[in-house]
C-alpha atoms as a PDB file:
ATOM      1  CA  TRP A   1     -69.325  22.487 180.928  1.00  0.00           C
ATOM      2  CA  TRP A   2     -70.407  21.674 184.465  1.00  0.00           C
ATOM      3  CA  VAL A   3     -74.044  22.514 183.693  1.00  0.00           C
ATOM      4  CA  TRP A   4     -73.952  20.075 180.800  1.00  0.00           C
ATOM      5  CA  GLY A   5     -72.342  17.510 183.104  1.00  0.00           C
ATOM      6  CA  VAL A   6     -75.231  17.791 185.568  1.00  0.00           C
ATOM      7  CA  VAL A   7     -77.840  17.650 182.785  1.00  0.00           C
ATOM      8  CA  ILE A   8     -76.219  14.582 181.217  1.00  0.00           C
ATOM      9  CA  LEU A   9     -76.013  12.874 184.613  1.00  0.00           C
ATOM     10  CA  VAL A  10     -79.681  13.582 185.409  1.00  0.00           C
ATOM     11  CA  ALA A  11     -80.811  12.552 181.912  1.00  0.00           C
ATOM     12  CA  GLY A  12     -78.678   9.401 182.114  1.00  0.00           C
ATOM     13  CA  ILE A  13     -80.238   8.365 185.427  1.00  0.00           C
ATOM     14  CA  ALA A  14     -83.721   9.043 184.016  1.00  0.00           C
ATOM     15  CA  TYR A  15     -83.011   6.909 180.949  1.00  0.00           C
ATOM     16  CA  ALA A  16     -81.424   4.126 183.015  1.00  0.00           C
ATOM     17  CA  ALA A  17     -84.426   3.959 185.347  1.00  0.00           C
ATOM     18  CA  PHE A  18     -86.814   4.012 182.401  1.00  0.00           C
ATOM     19  CA  ILE A  19     -85.015   1.254 180.499  1.00  0.00           C
ATOM     20  CA  TYR A  20     -84.555  -0.895 183.573  1.00  0.00           C
ATOM     21  CA  GLN A  21     -88.140  -0.650 184.786  1.00  0.00           C
ATOM     22  CA  ILE A  22     -90.273  -0.004 181.687  1.00  0.00           C
ATOM     23  CA  VAL A  23     -88.314  -1.805 178.971  1.00  0.00           C
ATOM     24  CA  LEU A  24     -86.830  -4.687 180.985  1.00  0.00           C
ATOM     25  CA  GLY A  25     -89.733  -4.948 183.446  1.00  0.00           C
ATOM     26  CA  LYS A  26     -87.552  -4.991 186.579  1.00  0.00           C
ATOM     27  CA  SER A  27     -88.080  -2.746 189.607  1.00  0.00           C
ATOM     28  CA  PHE A  28     -85.649   0.169 189.721  1.00  0.00           C
ATOM     29  CA  GLY A  29     -84.498   0.629 193.335  1.00  0.00           C
ATOM     30  CA  THR A  30     -85.886  -0.603 196.632  1.00  0.00           C
ATOM     31  CA  LYS A  31     -88.955   1.639 196.420  1.00  0.00           C
ATOM     32  CA  PRO A  32     -89.638   1.890 192.673  1.00  0.00           C
ATOM     33  CA  ALA A  33     -91.636   4.764 191.295  1.00  0.00           C
ATOM     34  CA  PRO A  34     -94.859   4.021 189.425  1.00  0.00           C
ATOM     35  CA  ASP A  35     -94.392   3.534 185.679  1.00  0.00           C
ATOM     36  CA  ALA A  36     -96.348   6.709 184.921  1.00  0.00           C
ATOM     37  CA  MET A  37     -93.907   8.681 187.082  1.00  0.00           C
ATOM     38  CA  LEU A  38     -90.937   7.261 185.153  1.00  0.00           C
ATOM     39  CA  TRP A  39     -92.572   8.320 181.891  1.00  0.00           C
ATOM     40  CA  LEU A  40     -92.854  11.868 183.270  1.00  0.00           C
ATOM     41  CA  VAL A  41     -89.289  11.836 184.587  1.00  0.00           C
ATOM     42  CA  VAL A  42     -87.862  10.721 181.243  1.00  0.00           C
ATOM     43  CA  LEU A  43     -89.987  13.302 179.398  1.00  0.00           C
ATOM     44  CA  PHE A  44     -88.949  16.188 181.649  1.00  0.00           C
ATOM     45  CA  CYS A  45     -85.405  15.224 182.692  1.00  0.00           C
ATOM     46  CA  GLY A  46     -84.359  13.050 179.762  1.00  0.00           C
ATOM     47  CA  ILE A  47     -85.836  15.110 176.943  1.00  0.00           C
ATOM     48  CA  GLY A  48     -87.111  18.453 178.285  1.00  0.00           C
ATOM     49  CA  LEU A  49     -84.086  19.543 180.292  1.00  0.00           C
ATOM     50  CA  PRO A  50     -81.498  18.868 177.528  1.00  0.00           C
ATOM     51  CA  TRP A  51     -83.797  20.492 174.948  1.00  0.00           C
ATOM     52  CA  PHE A  52     -84.191  23.553 177.164  1.00  0.00           C
ATOM     53  CA  LEU A  53     -80.432  23.888 177.587  1.00  0.00           C
ATOM     54  CA  VAL A  54     -79.809  23.527 173.847  1.00  0.00           C
ATOM     55  CA  SER A  55     -82.494  26.090 173.005  1.00  0.00           C
ATOM     56  CA  CYS A  56     -81.224  28.757 175.425  1.00  0.00           C
ATOM     57  CA  ARG A  57     -79.577  31.683 173.724  1.00  0.00           C
ATOM     58  CA  LEU A  58     -79.291  35.380 174.335  1.00  0.00           C
ATOM     59  CA  VAL A  59     -80.210  37.788 171.538  1.00  0.00           C
ATOM     60  CA  THR A  60     -79.408  41.446 172.056  1.00  0.00           C
ATOM     61  CA  GLU A  61     -79.961  44.126 169.424  1.00  0.00           C
ATOM     62  CA  VAL A  62     -79.608  47.881 169.492  1.00  0.00           C
ATOM     63  CA  ARG A  63     -82.509  49.089 167.344  1.00  0.00           C
ATOM     64  CA  SER A  64     -83.534  52.565 166.223  1.00  0.00           C
ATOM     65  CA  ASP A  65     -85.326  53.564 169.439  1.00  0.00           C
ATOM     66  CA  HIS A  66     -84.784  50.703 171.891  1.00  0.00           C
ATOM     67  CA  ILE A  67     -82.642  47.811 173.034  1.00  0.00           C
ATOM     68  CA  TYR A  68     -84.150  44.419 172.251  1.00  0.00           C
ATOM     69  CA  VAL A  69     -83.151  41.627 174.649  1.00  0.00           C
ATOM     70  CA  ARG A  70     -84.410  38.070 174.495  1.00  0.00           C
ATOM     71  CA  PHE A  71     -83.255  35.102 176.479  1.00  0.00           C
ATOM     72  CA  HIS A  72     -84.695  32.225 174.430  1.00  0.00           C
ATOM     73  CA  PRO A  73     -87.086  30.516 175.006  1.00  0.00           C
ATOM     74  CA  PHE A  74     -88.512  33.272 177.234  1.00  0.00           C
ATOM     75  CA  TRP A  75     -90.287  36.494 176.293  1.00  0.00           C
ATOM     76  CA  PRO A  76     -88.409  39.470 174.797  1.00  0.00           C
ATOM     77  CA  ARG A  77     -87.876  42.768 176.525  1.00  0.00           C
ATOM     78  CA  ARG A  78     -87.669  46.163 174.880  1.00  0.00           C
ATOM     79  CA  ILE A  79     -85.918  48.971 176.700  1.00  0.00           C
ATOM     80  CA  ARG A  80     -86.555  52.350 175.103  1.00  0.00           C
ATOM     81  CA  PHE A  81     -83.663  54.773 175.029  1.00  0.00           C
ATOM     82  CA  ASN A  82     -85.722  57.422 176.849  1.00  0.00           C
ATOM     83  CA  GLU A  83     -86.139  54.962 179.774  1.00  0.00           C
ATOM     84  CA  ILE A  84     -82.356  54.743 180.298  1.00  0.00           C
ATOM     85  CA  LYS A  85     -80.870  57.128 182.837  1.00  0.00           C
ATOM     86  CA  ARG A  86     -77.331  55.757 182.785  1.00  0.00           C
ATOM     87  CA  CYS A  87     -75.380  52.939 181.139  1.00  0.00           C
ATOM     88  CA  SER A  88     -71.842  51.676 181.489  1.00  0.00           C
ATOM     89  CA  ALA A  89     -69.658  48.696 180.699  1.00  0.00           C
ATOM     90  CA  ARG A  90     -68.584  46.671 183.704  1.00  0.00           C
ATOM     91  CA  THR A  91     -67.162  43.427 184.968  1.00  0.00           C
ATOM     92  CA  TYR A  92     -69.425  41.553 187.366  1.00  0.00           C
ATOM     93  CA  SER A  93     -69.595  38.308 189.311  1.00  0.00           C
ATOM     94  CA  PRO A  94     -72.449  36.187 187.894  1.00  0.00           C
ATOM     95  CA  LEU A  95     -72.505  33.766 190.835  1.00  0.00           C
ATOM     96  CA  ARG A  96     -72.162  36.294 193.624  1.00  0.00           C
ATOM     97  CA  GLU A  97     -74.369  39.053 192.204  1.00  0.00           C
ATOM     98  CA  TYR A  98     -77.065  37.037 190.411  1.00  0.00           C
ATOM     99  CA  GLY A  99     -76.726  33.423 191.496  1.00  0.00           C
ATOM    100  CA  GLY A 100     -75.389  32.280 188.126  1.00  0.00           C
ATOM    101  CA  TRP A 101     -76.070  32.706 184.436  1.00  0.00           C
ATOM    102  CA  GLY A 102     -79.361  32.877 182.582  1.00  0.00           C
ATOM    103  CA  LEU A 103     -82.345  35.139 183.053  1.00  0.00           C
ATOM    104  CA  LYS A 104     -82.025  36.159 186.700  1.00  0.00           C
ATOM    105  CA  TRP A 105     -83.436  38.620 189.194  1.00  0.00           C
ATOM    106  CA  MET A 106     -81.853  39.435 192.534  1.00  0.00           C
ATOM    107  CA  PRO A 107     -82.975  42.000 195.110  1.00  0.00           C
ATOM    108  CA  GLY A 108     -80.597  44.941 195.049  1.00  0.00           C
ATOM    109  CA  SER A 109     -79.024  43.879 191.743  1.00  0.00           C
ATOM    110  CA  GLY A 110     -82.099  43.807 189.511  1.00  0.00           C
ATOM    111  CA  TRP A 111     -82.434  41.776 186.323  1.00  0.00           C
ATOM    112  CA  ALA A 112     -79.572  40.064 184.501  1.00  0.00           C
ATOM    113  CA  TYR A 113     -79.572  38.579 181.026  1.00  0.00           C
ATOM    114  CA  ASN A 114     -76.349  36.617 180.652  1.00  0.00           C
ATOM    115  CA  MET A 115     -75.103  33.399 179.052  1.00  0.00           C
ATOM    116  CA  SER A 116     -71.432  33.225 179.910  1.00  0.00           C
ATOM    117  CA  GLY A 117     -68.506  35.322 180.967  1.00  0.00           C
ATOM    118  CA  ASN A 118     -68.392  38.207 183.418  1.00  0.00           C
ATOM    119  CA  ARG A 119     -68.606  41.337 181.288  1.00  0.00           C
ATOM    120  CA  GLY A 120     -71.679  43.320 180.418  1.00  0.00           C
ATOM    121  CA  ILE A 121     -73.575  46.569 180.160  1.00  0.00           C
ATOM    122  CA  GLN A 122     -75.229  47.912 183.299  1.00  0.00           C
ATOM    123  CA  LEU A 123     -78.354  49.953 182.625  1.00  0.00           C
ATOM    124  CA  GLU A 124     -79.987  52.126 185.234  1.00  0.00           C
ATOM    125  CA  LEU A 125     -83.489  53.134 184.236  1.00  0.00           C
ATOM    126  CA  GLU A 126     -85.279  56.376 185.065  1.00  0.00           C
ATOM    127  CA  THR A 127     -87.452  54.346 187.456  1.00  0.00           C
ATOM    128  CA  GLY A 128     -84.357  53.303 189.448  1.00  0.00           C
ATOM    129  CA  LYS A 129     -84.488  49.699 188.220  1.00  0.00           C
ATOM    130  CA  ARG A 130     -81.239  48.071 187.133  1.00  0.00           C
ATOM    131  CA  ILE A 131     -80.667  45.706 184.208  1.00  0.00           C
ATOM    132  CA  LEU A 132     -77.429  43.963 183.371  1.00  0.00           C
ATOM    133  CA  ILE A 133     -76.966  42.622 179.840  1.00  0.00           C
ATOM    134  CA  GLY A 134     -74.073  40.224 179.469  1.00  0.00           C
ATOM    135  CA  THR A 135     -71.854  40.680 176.435  1.00  0.00           C
ATOM    136  CA  GLN A 136     -68.363  39.671 175.419  1.00  0.00           C
ATOM    137  CA  LYS A 137     -68.049  43.020 173.598  1.00  0.00           C
ATOM    138  CA  PRO A 138     -69.277  45.748 175.969  1.00  0.00           C
ATOM    139  CA  GLU A 139     -67.362  48.526 174.190  1.00  0.00           C
ATOM    140  CA  GLU A 140     -69.043  47.704 170.861  1.00  0.00           C
ATOM    141  CA  PHE A 141     -72.428  47.570 172.602  1.00  0.00           C
ATOM    142  CA  LEU A 142     -71.879  51.038 174.113  1.00  0.00           C
ATOM    143  CA  ALA A 143     -70.704  52.393 170.746  1.00  0.00           C
ATOM    144  CA  ALA A 144     -73.880  51.073 169.084  1.00  0.00           C
ATOM    145  CA  LEU A 145     -75.981  52.690 171.815  1.00  0.00           C
ATOM    146  CA  GLU A 146     -74.128  55.959 171.316  1.00  0.00           C
ATOM    147  CA  ARG A 147     -74.646  55.874 167.534  1.00  0.00           C
ATOM    148  CA  GLN A 148     -78.375  55.193 167.878  1.00  0.00           C
ATOM    149  CA  SER A 149     -79.013  57.794 170.586  1.00  0.00           C
ATOM    150  CA  VAL A 150     -77.150  60.448 168.554  1.00  0.00           C
ATOM    151  CA  SER A 151     -79.081  59.598 165.360  1.00  0.00           C
ATOM    152  CA  SER A 152     -82.508  59.598 167.037  1.00  0.00           C
END
């Protein structure tokens, strides 16, 4: 909720400045930005940022020979079963370990794909790299991995 609060506040300020200066023709603030800058601000902060937040979603699938992870709108990642050295369900601290939620990378912790909550699957790859995939159902995720690795 707090992320949405910040986005709404930023978008609201962008729209207010735009309406005040572009629509009403009055200077916004003591040192007003050029009109072209306000157009960019309203496009990025008033439209782009809320759209980005609405479009974010995490898709995770256990497929026949790999795990498919995609944090929309970014690129997907495929992790083949033969790349995985170890996996386990765990509780983690998104803020402390990864600096929050989303698609994150932190030295020492590796990559994290998470949207909410504090539970996930920790993968350690044969290369030593670590990947955390957030899930509200880590036991079901592990069971699906087990079923696929036994059948392949």
